[in-house]
N, C-alpha and C. Protein backbone atom coordinates (compact mmCIF):
# COMPACT_ATOMS: atom_id res chain seq x y z
N MET A 1 131.17 152.03 157.10
CA MET A 1 131.93 151.03 156.35
C MET A 1 131.39 151.00 154.92
N GLN A 2 132.27 151.03 153.97
CA GLN A 2 131.81 151.03 152.59
C GLN A 2 131.44 149.63 152.14
N ASP A 3 130.46 149.57 151.23
CA ASP A 3 130.03 148.28 150.70
C ASP A 3 131.01 147.81 149.64
N ARG A 4 131.36 146.53 149.71
CA ARG A 4 132.26 145.94 148.73
C ARG A 4 131.60 144.69 148.20
N GLU A 5 131.85 144.43 146.93
CA GLU A 5 131.38 143.17 146.37
C GLU A 5 132.22 142.05 146.93
N LEU A 6 131.60 140.91 147.13
CA LEU A 6 132.32 139.79 147.73
C LEU A 6 133.19 139.03 146.74
N SER A 7 132.85 139.05 145.47
CA SER A 7 133.63 138.25 144.52
C SER A 7 135.09 138.68 144.42
N PRO A 8 135.44 139.97 144.35
CA PRO A 8 136.87 140.31 144.34
C PRO A 8 137.57 139.96 145.65
N VAL A 9 136.85 140.04 146.74
CA VAL A 9 137.44 139.71 148.04
C VAL A 9 137.76 138.22 148.09
N PHE A 10 136.82 137.38 147.66
CA PHE A 10 137.07 135.94 147.65
C PHE A 10 138.18 135.59 146.67
N TYR A 11 138.19 136.26 145.52
CA TYR A 11 139.24 136.00 144.54
C TYR A 11 140.61 136.30 145.13
N ARG A 12 140.77 137.44 145.76
CA ARG A 12 142.06 137.80 146.33
C ARG A 12 142.41 136.95 147.54
N TYR A 13 141.39 136.43 148.22
CA TYR A 13 141.66 135.59 149.38
C TYR A 13 142.21 134.23 148.97
N PHE A 14 141.74 133.69 147.84
CA PHE A 14 142.14 132.34 147.44
C PHE A 14 143.15 132.29 146.29
N PHE A 15 143.26 133.32 145.48
CA PHE A 15 144.15 133.28 144.32
C PHE A 15 145.20 134.38 144.44
N PHE A 16 146.43 134.07 144.09
CA PHE A 16 147.56 134.95 144.35
C PHE A 16 148.14 135.59 143.11
N GLY A 17 147.58 135.36 141.95
CA GLY A 17 148.15 135.89 140.71
C GLY A 17 148.18 137.40 140.65
N TRP A 18 147.28 138.05 141.34
CA TRP A 18 147.22 139.51 141.33
C TRP A 18 148.40 140.15 142.06
N LEU A 19 149.13 139.37 142.85
CA LEU A 19 150.27 139.91 143.59
C LEU A 19 151.52 140.08 142.73
N PHE A 20 151.60 139.35 141.63
CA PHE A 20 152.86 139.24 140.89
C PHE A 20 152.81 140.00 139.58
N ARG A 21 154.00 140.39 139.11
CA ARG A 21 154.17 141.05 137.82
C ARG A 21 154.82 140.09 136.84
N ASP A 22 154.63 140.34 135.56
CA ASP A 22 155.20 139.50 134.51
C ASP A 22 156.68 139.83 134.37
N ALA A 23 157.53 138.90 134.72
CA ALA A 23 158.98 139.11 134.64
C ALA A 23 159.55 138.68 133.30
N GLY A 24 158.71 138.39 132.34
CA GLY A 24 159.19 137.99 131.02
C GLY A 24 159.04 139.07 129.97
N ARG A 25 158.56 140.23 130.37
CA ARG A 25 158.35 141.32 129.41
C ARG A 25 159.21 142.52 129.79
N GLY A 26 159.53 143.28 128.77
CA GLY A 26 160.26 144.52 128.99
C GLY A 26 161.76 144.35 128.84
N SER A 27 162.45 145.43 129.14
CA SER A 27 163.91 145.41 129.05
C SER A 27 164.48 144.60 130.23
N LEU A 28 165.77 144.43 130.21
CA LEU A 28 166.42 143.65 131.27
C LEU A 28 166.21 144.30 132.64
N SER A 29 166.31 145.61 132.70
CA SER A 29 166.11 146.27 133.99
C SER A 29 164.66 146.16 134.46
N GLU A 30 163.70 146.20 133.54
CA GLU A 30 162.30 146.03 133.91
C GLU A 30 162.02 144.61 134.38
N ARG A 31 162.63 143.63 133.71
CA ARG A 31 162.45 142.24 134.14
C ARG A 31 163.07 142.01 135.52
N ARG A 32 164.23 142.61 135.76
CA ARG A 32 164.85 142.47 137.09
C ARG A 32 164.02 143.15 138.16
N ALA A 33 163.44 144.30 137.85
CA ALA A 33 162.58 144.99 138.82
C ALA A 33 161.33 144.16 139.10
N ALA A 34 160.76 143.54 138.06
CA ALA A 34 159.59 142.68 138.26
C ALA A 34 159.97 141.45 139.08
N TRP A 35 161.16 140.90 138.83
CA TRP A 35 161.61 139.74 139.61
C TRP A 35 161.79 140.09 141.08
N ARG A 36 162.40 141.25 141.35
CA ARG A 36 162.55 141.68 142.75
C ARG A 36 161.20 141.91 143.41
N HIS A 37 160.26 142.48 142.66
CA HIS A 37 158.90 142.66 143.18
C HIS A 37 158.27 141.31 143.49
N ASN A 38 158.42 140.37 142.58
CA ASN A 38 157.85 139.04 142.79
C ASN A 38 158.49 138.33 143.97
N LEU A 39 159.80 138.50 144.13
CA LEU A 39 160.47 137.91 145.30
C LEU A 39 159.93 138.49 146.60
N ALA A 40 159.66 139.78 146.59
CA ALA A 40 159.10 140.41 147.79
C ALA A 40 157.68 139.91 148.05
N GLN A 41 156.92 139.69 147.00
CA GLN A 41 155.54 139.23 147.16
C GLN A 41 155.45 137.73 147.45
N ALA A 42 156.52 137.00 147.19
CA ALA A 42 156.51 135.56 147.42
C ALA A 42 156.37 135.21 148.90
N ARG A 43 156.56 136.17 149.77
CA ARG A 43 156.40 135.90 151.21
C ARG A 43 154.96 135.55 151.55
N TRP A 44 154.01 135.88 150.65
CA TRP A 44 152.60 135.57 150.90
C TRP A 44 152.22 134.17 150.44
N LEU A 45 153.07 133.51 149.70
CA LEU A 45 152.74 132.17 149.19
C LEU A 45 152.48 131.14 150.29
N PRO A 46 153.23 131.12 151.40
CA PRO A 46 152.88 130.17 152.46
C PRO A 46 151.48 130.41 153.05
N THR A 47 151.04 131.65 153.07
CA THR A 47 149.69 131.94 153.55
C THR A 47 148.65 131.33 152.61
N TYR A 48 148.86 131.51 151.31
CA TYR A 48 147.94 130.91 150.35
C TYR A 48 148.01 129.39 150.40
N LEU A 49 149.20 128.84 150.62
CA LEU A 49 149.34 127.39 150.74
C LEU A 49 148.54 126.87 151.93
N ARG A 50 148.61 127.55 153.07
CA ARG A 50 147.83 127.14 154.24
C ARG A 50 146.34 127.20 153.95
N ARG A 51 145.89 128.24 153.26
CA ARG A 51 144.47 128.36 152.93
C ARG A 51 144.00 127.20 152.06
N TRP A 52 144.78 126.88 151.02
CA TRP A 52 144.38 125.81 150.12
C TRP A 52 144.53 124.43 150.76
N MET A 53 145.52 124.26 151.62
CA MET A 53 145.64 122.98 152.34
C MET A 53 144.47 122.79 153.30
N THR A 54 144.06 123.86 153.97
CA THR A 54 142.90 123.78 154.85
C THR A 54 141.65 123.46 154.06
N LEU A 55 141.47 124.12 152.93
CA LEU A 55 140.32 123.85 152.07
C LEU A 55 140.34 122.40 151.57
N SER A 56 141.51 121.92 151.19
CA SER A 56 141.64 120.52 150.74
C SER A 56 141.29 119.55 151.86
N ALA A 57 141.77 119.83 153.06
CA ALA A 57 141.47 118.95 154.19
C ALA A 57 139.98 118.96 154.51
N LEU A 58 139.35 120.12 154.41
CA LEU A 58 137.90 120.19 154.66
C LEU A 58 137.12 119.41 153.61
N PHE A 59 137.51 119.54 152.35
CA PHE A 59 136.82 118.78 151.30
C PHE A 59 137.03 117.29 151.47
N PHE A 60 138.25 116.89 151.79
CA PHE A 60 138.53 115.47 151.99
C PHE A 60 137.75 114.93 153.19
N SER A 61 137.74 115.69 154.28
CA SER A 61 136.98 115.26 155.47
C SER A 61 135.49 115.18 155.17
N GLY A 62 135.00 116.15 154.40
CA GLY A 62 133.59 116.11 154.01
C GLY A 62 133.28 114.90 153.15
N GLY A 63 134.19 114.54 152.27
CA GLY A 63 133.98 113.34 151.45
C GLY A 63 133.99 112.07 152.26
N VAL A 64 134.91 111.98 153.21
CA VAL A 64 134.97 110.80 154.08
C VAL A 64 133.72 110.73 154.95
N GLY A 65 133.30 111.87 155.49
CA GLY A 65 132.09 111.90 156.32
C GLY A 65 130.85 111.55 155.53
N ALA A 66 130.74 112.07 154.31
CA ALA A 66 129.58 111.77 153.48
C ALA A 66 129.58 110.30 153.06
N GLU A 67 130.76 109.74 152.87
CA GLU A 67 130.85 108.32 152.51
C GLU A 67 130.41 107.45 153.69
N ALA A 68 130.74 107.89 154.89
CA ALA A 68 130.38 107.11 156.07
C ALA A 68 128.88 107.07 156.31
N ILE A 69 128.19 108.16 155.95
CA ILE A 69 126.74 108.17 156.16
C ILE A 69 125.98 107.75 154.92
N GLY A 70 126.67 107.45 153.85
CA GLY A 70 126.04 106.90 152.66
C GLY A 70 125.57 107.92 151.65
N GLY A 71 126.02 109.15 151.73
CA GLY A 71 125.65 110.17 150.74
C GLY A 71 126.54 110.08 149.52
N VAL A 72 126.06 109.38 148.50
CA VAL A 72 126.89 109.12 147.33
C VAL A 72 127.20 110.40 146.57
N TRP A 73 126.21 111.23 146.31
CA TRP A 73 126.43 112.44 145.52
C TRP A 73 127.22 113.49 146.29
N SER A 74 126.93 113.63 147.55
CA SER A 74 127.70 114.61 148.33
C SER A 74 129.14 114.14 148.52
N CYS A 75 129.32 112.83 148.65
CA CYS A 75 130.67 112.27 148.75
C CYS A 75 131.45 112.55 147.46
N ALA A 76 130.81 112.32 146.32
CA ALA A 76 131.46 112.56 145.04
C ALA A 76 131.78 114.04 144.85
N ALA A 77 130.87 114.91 145.25
CA ALA A 77 131.11 116.34 145.12
C ALA A 77 132.30 116.78 145.97
N CYS A 78 132.37 116.29 147.18
CA CYS A 78 133.48 116.67 148.06
C CYS A 78 134.81 116.17 147.52
N PHE A 79 134.84 114.94 147.02
CA PHE A 79 136.10 114.41 146.50
C PHE A 79 136.51 115.08 145.19
N VAL A 80 135.54 115.50 144.37
CA VAL A 80 135.87 116.25 143.16
C VAL A 80 136.46 117.61 143.52
N LEU A 81 135.88 118.28 144.50
CA LEU A 81 136.42 119.56 144.95
C LEU A 81 137.81 119.37 145.57
N PHE A 82 138.01 118.28 146.30
CA PHE A 82 139.32 117.97 146.85
C PHE A 82 140.35 117.78 145.74
N SER A 83 139.97 117.02 144.73
CA SER A 83 140.92 116.77 143.64
C SER A 83 141.13 118.01 142.78
N SER A 84 140.21 118.95 142.81
CA SER A 84 140.40 120.21 142.09
C SER A 84 141.31 121.17 142.86
N ALA A 85 141.38 121.02 144.17
CA ALA A 85 142.23 121.89 144.98
C ALA A 85 143.69 121.44 144.97
N LEU A 86 143.93 120.18 144.71
CA LEU A 86 145.31 119.68 144.73
C LEU A 86 146.22 120.32 143.68
N PRO A 87 145.75 120.57 142.43
CA PRO A 87 146.64 121.26 141.48
C PRO A 87 147.02 122.67 141.93
N VAL A 88 146.13 123.36 142.60
CA VAL A 88 146.46 124.70 143.09
C VAL A 88 147.55 124.61 144.15
N VAL A 89 147.45 123.61 145.02
CA VAL A 89 148.48 123.40 146.04
C VAL A 89 149.82 123.11 145.38
N SER A 90 149.81 122.28 144.35
CA SER A 90 151.07 121.96 143.68
C SER A 90 151.66 123.16 142.96
N VAL A 91 150.83 124.03 142.39
CA VAL A 91 151.32 125.24 141.74
C VAL A 91 151.96 126.17 142.77
N ILE A 92 151.35 126.29 143.92
CA ILE A 92 151.92 127.15 144.97
C ILE A 92 153.27 126.61 145.43
N ILE A 93 153.37 125.30 145.59
CA ILE A 93 154.64 124.70 146.03
C ILE A 93 155.72 124.90 144.98
N VAL A 94 155.38 124.71 143.70
CA VAL A 94 156.36 124.92 142.63
C VAL A 94 156.78 126.38 142.57
N ALA A 95 155.85 127.30 142.75
CA ALA A 95 156.19 128.73 142.74
C ALA A 95 157.13 129.06 143.90
N MET A 96 156.85 128.51 145.07
CA MET A 96 157.73 128.75 146.22
C MET A 96 159.14 128.23 145.96
N LEU A 97 159.23 127.03 145.40
CA LEU A 97 160.54 126.46 145.08
C LEU A 97 161.24 127.25 143.97
N GLY A 98 160.47 127.71 142.99
CA GLY A 98 161.06 128.50 141.91
C GLY A 98 161.63 129.80 142.40
N PHE A 99 160.91 130.49 143.27
CA PHE A 99 161.43 131.74 143.79
C PHE A 99 162.64 131.53 144.68
N ARG A 100 162.73 130.38 145.28
CA ARG A 100 163.86 130.12 146.16
C ARG A 100 165.10 129.70 145.38
N TYR A 101 164.94 128.88 144.34
CA TYR A 101 166.11 128.26 143.70
C TYR A 101 166.44 128.77 142.29
N LEU A 102 165.52 129.42 141.60
CA LEU A 102 165.82 129.89 140.25
C LEU A 102 166.62 131.18 140.30
N PRO A 103 167.53 131.35 139.35
CA PRO A 103 168.30 132.60 139.33
C PRO A 103 167.45 133.75 138.77
N SER A 104 167.80 134.96 139.12
CA SER A 104 167.08 136.12 138.60
C SER A 104 167.44 136.35 137.15
N PRO A 105 166.59 137.05 136.40
CA PRO A 105 166.90 137.28 134.98
C PRO A 105 168.07 138.23 134.80
């Protein structure tokens, strides 16, 4: 088995930007080809949504658990991480809706 660095693996596991092409550049045919590619790759967005929702639930549960045992700093850290994960969830949801309802270029 070949050795791989973990940082690109974690990046690709949690962030989906590497899957998509820029549909705002190039000629009309290039933009349409990029849009079709992005539509095909949009099937992975629910997977990323599940990952981030699970991560959000874990952070929220950790914050509630730390609050129950009186860990002020760990509670704050968990809730900050939870609130940092929510914008990613909202971006994924907006991207899913955009690919479903926006017209192609």
